[in-house]
Amino acid sequence: MQAGHRVKRWGRGLVLAGLGVLIGAGCGQVITVTPTPTPAPTPTIALAVVNPTDEPTATPAPYTPAPTATPTITPTPVFHTIQAGESLLAIANRYGVSVAALQEANGILDPRTLQIGRQLIVPREEDAILVAEATATPTPMPVEVANLHFSETAIGGLWVLGEVVNSSGVPLEQVRVGVTLLDDAGVQVGQAQGLVALDLVDSNERAPFALLFGEAPGKFEQYRAYAVSAVPGYLGSYYRDLVVEELVVESERYASYTVSGVVHNRGPEEAVRVQVVLTAYDPLDRVVAMRQVEPEYNVIPRGGSSAFTAVLAPVGGPVVRIHAAAQGRRIQP
């Protein structure tokens, strides 16, 4: 993580065109990139014409099986599968345990990130008592925050875009980052936090984020960017055999980029809740645009595929490359 770095006051000329969907129009240059023979689960497209190559092959990633009950003389653990509309408080009340005990037993740092279909371990009463008495502080995960870009909004706010690099050696989930703005005396003038765009960040992989300071934070001369939280990922719930291919980028005078492609399922199972995360970089390798988009079908059967199209509106530029990553979930038994 980075701390205490100095940045100069952003220039008057920086204005955020917007991070969301812009209505892309116009006939810009169409650039098609076909992947090289070595497959990459999260391909990167450079904005240059590349000749077609052979169709790549992919090896299914290993799976971590979902936990199964093992006969033992100790009481059998209680599991609960999250249903639509359920909150952590409602689940805790149902089983007569505290919310803190549920969070501790399942590594939940932010209850708002609960996913429908996730299986929770419900601690026994004696376990809940131990949790309430515990005072240990979790060891921070080694996550580096990098490639930040600052841009003023049209109404005086501030966007901060960047990405995290997972150097922990293990896949991580629930990765949350923060940025604190300081004046020349080191006094805090603004602070924001948010989750990265990928639910699971594999070891040595990257995930983009975008933080919005809704109100003008005031003059700042320094900033601190840091990882707020991260937990080891439970791989059994993620589908890791999705490959993005056939990327095409159409630019409209550097103001917007329409990106299309196809998500292929190279694994042995059906993938559900499929999303594509796009990240655009400027010549200094800073993140200047990012977006999550669902493909045409967010359920992809084994051997199937689904197309997607998205518009990126960079806050800086020009864009020199665009990185695409697909994420999905497995159907839980």
Protein backbone atom coordinates (compact mmCIF):
# COMPACT_ATOMS: atom_id res chain seq x y z
CA MET A 1 0.00 0.00 0.00
CA GLN A 2 1.06 3.60 -0.50
CA ALA A 3 1.18 6.24 2.20
CA GLY A 4 2.19 9.80 2.56
CA HIS A 5 2.84 10.53 -1.13
CA ARG A 6 2.59 14.11 -2.30
CA VAL A 7 0.64 15.27 -5.29
CA LYS A 8 0.30 18.74 -6.67
CA ARG A 9 -3.03 20.49 -6.87
CA TRP A 10 -4.93 19.09 -9.80
CA GLY A 11 -5.00 21.34 -12.82
CA ARG A 12 -7.87 23.60 -13.59
CA GLY A 13 -8.31 21.86 -16.92
CA LEU A 14 -9.28 18.48 -15.47
CA VAL A 15 -12.96 17.98 -15.73
CA LEU A 16 -14.72 14.70 -15.35
CA ALA A 17 -16.70 13.83 -18.41
CA GLY A 18 -18.45 11.18 -16.34
CA LEU A 19 -17.74 7.64 -15.29
CA GLY A 20 -21.01 5.96 -16.07
CA VAL A 21 -22.55 5.04 -19.37
CA LEU A 22 -22.30 7.71 -22.07
CA ILE A 23 -24.31 7.44 -25.19
CA GLY A 24 -21.61 6.38 -27.62
CA ALA A 25 -22.07 7.60 -31.15
CA GLY A 26 -20.08 8.47 -34.21
CA CYS A 27 -17.94 6.45 -36.49
CA GLY A 28 -14.50 6.20 -34.95
CA GLN A 29 -11.65 3.97 -35.79
CA VAL A 30 -12.40 0.28 -35.19
CA ILE A 31 -9.56 -1.70 -33.75
CA THR A 32 -9.84 -5.46 -33.40
CA VAL A 33 -7.49 -7.46 -31.26
CA THR A 34 -7.37 -11.24 -31.27
CA PRO A 35 -5.63 -13.01 -28.34
CA THR A 36 -2.27 -14.73 -28.79
CA PRO A 37 -2.04 -18.56 -28.72
CA THR A 38 -1.38 -18.47 -24.95
CA PRO A 39 -4.75 -17.87 -23.24
CA ALA A 40 -5.14 -15.34 -20.48
CA PRO A 41 -8.17 -15.36 -18.20
CA THR A 42 -8.01 -11.56 -17.99
CA PRO A 43 -6.78 -10.36 -21.40
CA THR A 44 -5.45 -6.90 -22.11
CA ILE A 45 -6.16 -5.12 -25.39
CA ALA A 46 -3.66 -2.59 -26.68
CA LEU A 47 -5.04 0.07 -28.96
CA ALA A 48 -3.25 -1.13 -32.08
CA VAL A 49 -4.22 -3.39 -35.00
CA VAL A 50 -3.10 -6.99 -34.49
CA ASN A 51 -3.23 -9.73 -37.14
CA PRO A 52 -5.46 -12.75 -36.36
CA THR A 53 -3.80 -15.67 -34.63
CA ASP A 54 -4.79 -19.23 -33.90
CA GLU A 55 -7.67 -19.87 -31.53
CA PRO A 56 -6.24 -20.37 -28.03
CA THR A 57 -6.99 -23.25 -25.76
CA ALA A 58 -7.48 -23.03 -22.03
CA THR A 59 -6.95 -25.39 -19.12
CA PRO A 60 -9.76 -25.39 -16.54
CA ALA A 61 -8.68 -23.87 -13.25
CA PRO A 62 -8.69 -26.14 -10.20
CA TYR A 63 -11.74 -25.96 -7.95
CA THR A 64 -11.96 -25.89 -4.22
CA PRO A 65 -14.88 -28.19 -3.34
CA ALA A 66 -17.68 -26.84 -1.20
CA PRO A 67 -17.41 -27.94 2.44
CA THR A 68 -19.07 -31.23 3.32
CA ALA A 69 -20.10 -32.47 6.74
CA THR A 70 -17.80 -35.05 8.35
CA PRO A 71 -19.11 -37.38 11.08
CA THR A 72 -17.58 -36.41 14.40
CA ILE A 73 -18.32 -36.72 18.06
CA THR A 74 -18.58 -32.92 18.34
CA PRO A 75 -21.85 -31.13 17.48
CA THR A 76 -22.49 -30.78 13.72
CA PRO A 77 -22.00 -27.19 12.48
CA VAL A 78 -25.10 -25.33 11.35
CA PHE A 79 -25.04 -23.77 7.88
CA HIS A 80 -27.40 -21.17 6.45
CA THR A 81 -27.72 -20.23 2.77
CA ILE A 82 -28.52 -16.55 2.27
CA GLN A 83 -31.86 -15.97 0.54
CA ALA A 84 -33.13 -12.88 -1.28
CA GLY A 85 -34.17 -10.13 1.14
CA GLU A 86 -32.30 -11.53 4.16
CA SER A 87 -30.03 -9.33 6.26
CA LEU A 88 -27.27 -10.40 8.62
CA LEU A 89 -29.35 -9.13 11.55
CA ALA A 90 -32.36 -11.24 10.52
CA ILE A 91 -30.19 -14.36 10.19
CA ALA A 92 -28.57 -13.70 13.59
CA ASN A 93 -31.99 -13.31 15.25
CA ARG A 94 -33.25 -16.49 13.61
CA TYR A 95 -30.48 -18.59 15.16
CA GLY A 96 -30.15 -16.68 18.42
CA VAL A 97 -26.58 -15.46 17.89
CA SER A 98 -25.05 -12.02 17.66
CA VAL A 99 -24.27 -10.25 14.40
CA ALA A 100 -20.64 -9.93 15.56
CA ALA A 101 -20.42 -13.71 16.03
CA LEU A 102 -21.75 -14.32 12.50
CA GLN A 103 -19.30 -11.82 11.05
CA GLU A 104 -16.34 -13.32 12.90
CA ALA A 105 -17.23 -16.92 12.01
CA ASN A 106 -17.54 -16.09 8.29
CA GLY A 107 -14.94 -13.35 7.83
CA ILE A 108 -17.57 -10.72 6.97
CA LEU A 109 -16.13 -7.22 7.20
CA ASP A 110 -19.03 -5.36 5.59
CA PRO A 111 -22.55 -6.86 5.91
CA ARG A 112 -23.64 -4.88 2.83
CA THR A 113 -21.49 -7.14 0.65
CA LEU A 114 -23.53 -10.28 1.39
CA GLN A 115 -24.28 -12.36 -1.71
CA ILE A 116 -27.48 -14.33 -2.28
CA GLY A 117 -26.64 -18.04 -2.23
CA ARG A 118 -23.59 -17.70 0.01
CA GLN A 119 -23.40 -20.32 2.74
CA LEU A 120 -22.81 -19.02 6.26
CA ILE A 121 -21.50 -20.93 9.25
CA VAL A 122 -23.77 -20.34 12.24
CA PRO A 123 -21.61 -20.47 15.40
CA ARG A 124 -22.75 -22.36 18.47
CA GLU A 125 -23.61 -20.43 21.61
CA GLU A 126 -20.27 -21.15 23.26
CA ASP A 127 -18.49 -20.02 20.10
CA ALA A 128 -20.43 -16.76 20.15
CA ILE A 129 -19.33 -16.13 23.73
CA LEU A 130 -15.70 -16.64 22.76
CA VAL A 131 -16.09 -14.21 19.86
CA ALA A 132 -17.56 -11.56 22.12
CA GLU A 133 -14.55 -11.90 24.44
CA ALA A 134 -11.94 -11.98 21.69
CA THR A 135 -9.67 -8.96 21.34
CA ALA A 136 -7.28 -10.09 18.60
CA THR A 137 -6.75 -7.70 15.70
CA PRO A 138 -6.60 -9.26 12.21
CA THR A 139 -3.29 -9.01 10.36
CA PRO A 140 -3.60 -6.70 7.34
CA MET A 141 -3.32 -8.38 3.96
CA PRO A 142 -0.44 -7.19 1.75
CA VAL A 143 -2.40 -5.33 -0.93
CA GLU A 144 -0.77 -2.52 -2.89
CA VAL A 145 -2.79 0.46 -4.13
CA ALA A 146 -1.32 1.76 -7.40
CA ASN A 147 -1.78 3.80 -10.59
CA LEU A 148 -4.05 6.51 -9.14
CA HIS A 149 -5.59 9.27 -11.25
CA PHE A 150 -7.36 12.34 -9.80
CA SER A 151 -10.02 14.25 -11.73
CA GLU A 152 -12.43 17.03 -10.77
CA THR A 153 -16.10 16.62 -11.56
CA ALA A 154 -18.17 19.23 -13.37
CA ILE A 155 -19.92 20.15 -10.09
CA GLY A 156 -16.80 20.49 -7.96
CA GLY A 157 -16.36 16.96 -6.64
CA LEU A 158 -13.41 14.68 -7.16
CA TRP A 159 -12.99 11.22 -8.69
CA VAL A 160 -10.04 9.05 -7.66
CA LEU A 161 -9.43 6.03 -9.89
CA GLY A 162 -6.81 3.36 -9.33
CA GLU A 163 -6.26 -0.35 -8.82
CA VAL A 164 -5.03 -2.81 -6.22
CA VAL A 165 -2.34 -5.44 -6.74
CA ASN A 166 -2.71 -8.62 -4.70
CA SER A 167 0.76 -9.54 -3.47
CA SER A 168 -0.43 -11.72 -0.59
CA GLY A 169 0.15 -15.06 -2.34
CA VAL A 170 -3.49 -16.12 -1.83
CA PRO A 171 -6.74 -15.09 -3.56
CA LEU A 172 -8.59 -12.33 -1.71
CA GLU A 173 -12.20 -11.18 -1.57
CA GLN A 174 -14.02 -8.23 0.01
CA VAL A 175 -11.05 -6.00 -0.86
CA ARG A 176 -11.81 -2.44 0.27
CA VAL A 177 -9.56 0.57 -0.31
CA GLY A 178 -9.45 4.11 1.00
CA VAL A 179 -7.96 7.46 0.03
CA THR A 180 -7.31 10.30 2.50
CA LEU A 181 -6.57 13.83 1.30
CA LEU A 182 -4.31 16.10 3.38
CA ASP A 183 -3.41 19.79 3.19
CA ASP A 184 0.18 21.10 3.28
CA ALA A 185 0.13 20.89 7.10
CA GLY A 186 -0.89 17.23 7.09
CA VAL A 187 -4.47 17.95 8.20
CA GLN A 188 -7.15 15.72 6.68
CA VAL A 189 -9.48 17.54 4.28
CA GLY A 190 -11.28 14.54 2.74
CA GLN A 191 -11.61 10.78 2.97
CA ALA A 192 -13.42 8.08 0.92
CA GLN A 193 -13.59 4.28 0.85
CA GLY A 194 -15.00 1.64 -1.48
CA LEU A 195 -14.77 -1.95 -2.74
CA VAL A 196 -12.76 -2.89 -5.82
CA ALA A 197 -14.65 -3.99 -8.95
CA LEU A 198 -13.66 -7.68 -8.80
CA ASP A 199 -15.26 -9.89 -6.13
CA LEU A 200 -12.22 -12.20 -6.14
CA VAL A 201 -8.70 -10.87 -6.72
CA ASP A 202 -6.32 -13.73 -7.48
CA SER A 203 -2.71 -13.69 -6.31
CA ASN A 204 -0.58 -11.28 -8.39
CA GLU A 205 -3.68 -9.99 -10.18
CA ARG A 206 -5.16 -6.48 -10.26
CA ALA A 207 -8.62 -5.02 -9.67
CA PRO A 208 -9.73 -1.43 -10.40
CA PHE A 209 -11.71 0.91 -8.17
CA ALA A 210 -13.30 4.36 -8.35
CA LEU A 211 -13.89 6.59 -5.32
CA LEU A 212 -16.02 9.73 -5.43
CA PHE A 213 -15.59 12.72 -3.15
CA GLY A 214 -19.08 14.10 -3.70
CA GLU A 215 -18.34 17.54 -2.30
CA ALA A 216 -15.30 19.64 -3.05
CA PRO A 217 -12.69 18.36 -0.56
CA GLY A 218 -10.87 21.66 -0.47
CA LYS A 219 -7.26 22.30 -1.31
CA PHE A 220 -5.02 19.30 -0.74
CA GLU A 221 -1.30 18.84 -1.21
CA GLN A 222 -0.89 15.21 -0.16
CA TYR A 223 -2.84 11.97 -0.18
CA ARG A 224 -2.68 8.53 1.36
CA ALA A 225 -4.00 5.47 -0.50
CA TYR A 226 -4.33 2.22 1.42
CA ALA A 227 -6.12 -1.11 1.68
CA VAL A 228 -8.81 -0.95 4.36
CA SER A 229 -9.66 -4.66 4.48
CA ALA A 230 -9.37 -7.97 2.66
CA VAL A 231 -10.03 -11.61 3.56
CA PRO A 232 -8.81 -14.88 2.05
CA GLY A 233 -11.22 -15.92 -0.69
CA TYR A 234 -13.37 -19.04 -0.52
CA LEU A 235 -12.74 -20.37 -4.02
CA GLY A 236 -15.54 -22.92 -3.97
CA SER A 237 -18.17 -20.28 -4.75
CA TYR A 238 -16.34 -18.65 -7.68
CA TYR A 239 -16.24 -19.80 -11.31
CA ARG A 240 -12.72 -19.21 -12.62
CA ASP A 241 -12.84 -20.62 -16.17
CA LEU A 242 -14.30 -17.62 -18.00
CA VAL A 243 -12.17 -16.14 -20.79
CA VAL A 244 -12.73 -12.80 -22.57
CA GLU A 245 -11.89 -12.90 -26.29
CA GLU A 246 -12.67 -11.19 -29.61
CA LEU A 247 -12.24 -7.70 -28.19
CA VAL A 248 -13.06 -4.73 -30.42
CA VAL A 249 -12.52 -1.07 -29.48
CA GLU A 250 -14.14 1.84 -31.29
CA SER A 251 -12.97 5.30 -30.22
CA GLU A 252 -14.75 8.61 -30.72
CA ARG A 253 -11.96 11.19 -30.85
CA TYR A 254 -10.58 9.97 -27.49
CA ALA A 255 -13.73 11.16 -25.68
CA SER A 256 -15.28 7.71 -25.35
CA TYR A 257 -14.44 4.13 -26.19
CA THR A 258 -16.99 1.48 -27.11
CA VAL A 259 -15.63 -1.94 -26.13
CA SER A 260 -17.22 -5.20 -27.23
CA GLY A 261 -16.20 -8.80 -26.88
CA VAL A 262 -17.28 -12.34 -26.03
CA VAL A 263 -17.07 -14.24 -22.75
CA HIS A 264 -16.38 -17.95 -23.27
CA ASN A 265 -16.95 -20.66 -20.65
CA ARG A 266 -13.94 -22.99 -20.87
CA GLY A 267 -14.71 -24.90 -17.69
CA PRO A 268 -16.69 -28.04 -16.82
CA GLU A 269 -19.76 -26.38 -15.25
CA GLU A 270 -22.39 -23.72 -15.77
CA ALA A 271 -21.37 -20.19 -14.77
CA VAL A 272 -23.91 -17.81 -13.24
CA ARG A 273 -23.91 -14.08 -12.35
CA VAL A 274 -21.29 -13.41 -15.01
CA GLN A 275 -19.82 -9.90 -15.24
CA VAL A 276 -17.06 -8.23 -17.22
CA VAL A 277 -14.76 -5.64 -15.62
CA LEU A 278 -13.05 -3.20 -17.99
CA THR A 279 -10.06 -1.02 -17.05
CA ALA A 280 -8.54 1.68 -19.28
CA TYR A 281 -4.99 3.02 -18.83
CA ASP A 282 -3.26 6.18 -20.03
CA PRO A 283 0.39 6.37 -21.23
CA LEU A 284 1.58 6.67 -17.61
CA ASP A 285 -0.26 3.42 -16.75
CA ARG A 286 -2.77 5.29 -14.58
CA VAL A 287 -6.37 4.10 -14.44
CA VAL A 288 -8.51 6.62 -16.33
CA ALA A 289 -11.73 4.61 -16.75
CA MET A 290 -13.32 1.46 -15.35
CA ARG A 291 -16.69 -0.22 -15.60
CA GLN A 292 -18.60 -3.37 -14.67
CA VAL A 293 -20.99 -4.69 -17.32
CA GLU A 294 -23.18 -7.77 -17.69
CA PRO A 295 -22.96 -9.72 -20.94
CA GLU A 296 -26.05 -10.41 -23.00
CA TYR A 297 -26.62 -13.58 -20.96
CA ASN A 298 -25.20 -13.65 -17.44
CA VAL A 299 -25.67 -17.43 -17.21
CA ILE A 300 -23.26 -19.26 -19.53
CA PRO A 301 -23.43 -23.07 -19.89
CA ARG A 302 -20.40 -25.30 -20.25
CA GLY A 303 -18.82 -24.61 -23.63
CA GLY A 304 -21.10 -21.62 -24.20
CA SER A 305 -20.43 -17.92 -24.71
CA SER A 306 -22.10 -14.53 -24.34
CA ALA A 307 -21.35 -11.18 -26.00
CA PHE A 308 -21.06 -7.81 -24.26
CA THR A 309 -20.77 -4.13 -25.18
CA ALA A 310 -19.85 -1.20 -22.94
CA VAL A 311 -18.90 2.47 -23.28
CA LEU A 312 -15.92 3.84 -21.35
CA ALA A 313 -15.62 7.58 -20.77
CA PRO A 314 -12.04 8.24 -19.58
CA VAL A 315 -11.27 11.07 -17.17
CA GLY A 316 -7.82 11.40 -18.72
CA GLY A 317 -5.98 10.12 -21.70
CA PRO A 318 -5.30 9.20 -24.32
CA VAL A 319 -6.12 5.56 -23.60
CA VAL A 320 -3.33 3.23 -24.66
CA ARG A 321 -4.71 -0.11 -23.51
CA ILE A 322 -7.85 -1.69 -22.11
CA HIS A 323 -7.87 -4.69 -19.79
CA ALA A 324 -10.87 -7.04 -19.63
CA ALA A 325 -11.60 -9.58 -16.88
CA ALA A 326 -14.62 -11.86 -16.49
CA GLN A 327 -15.96 -13.04 -13.15
CA GLY A 328 -18.74 -15.43 -12.30
CA ARG A 329 -20.13 -17.79 -9.67
CA ARG A 330 -20.71 -21.50 -9.47
CA ILE A 331 -24.15 -22.97 -8.80
CA GLN A 332 -24.11 -23.96 -5.15
CA PRO A 333 -25.53 -27.38 -4.20
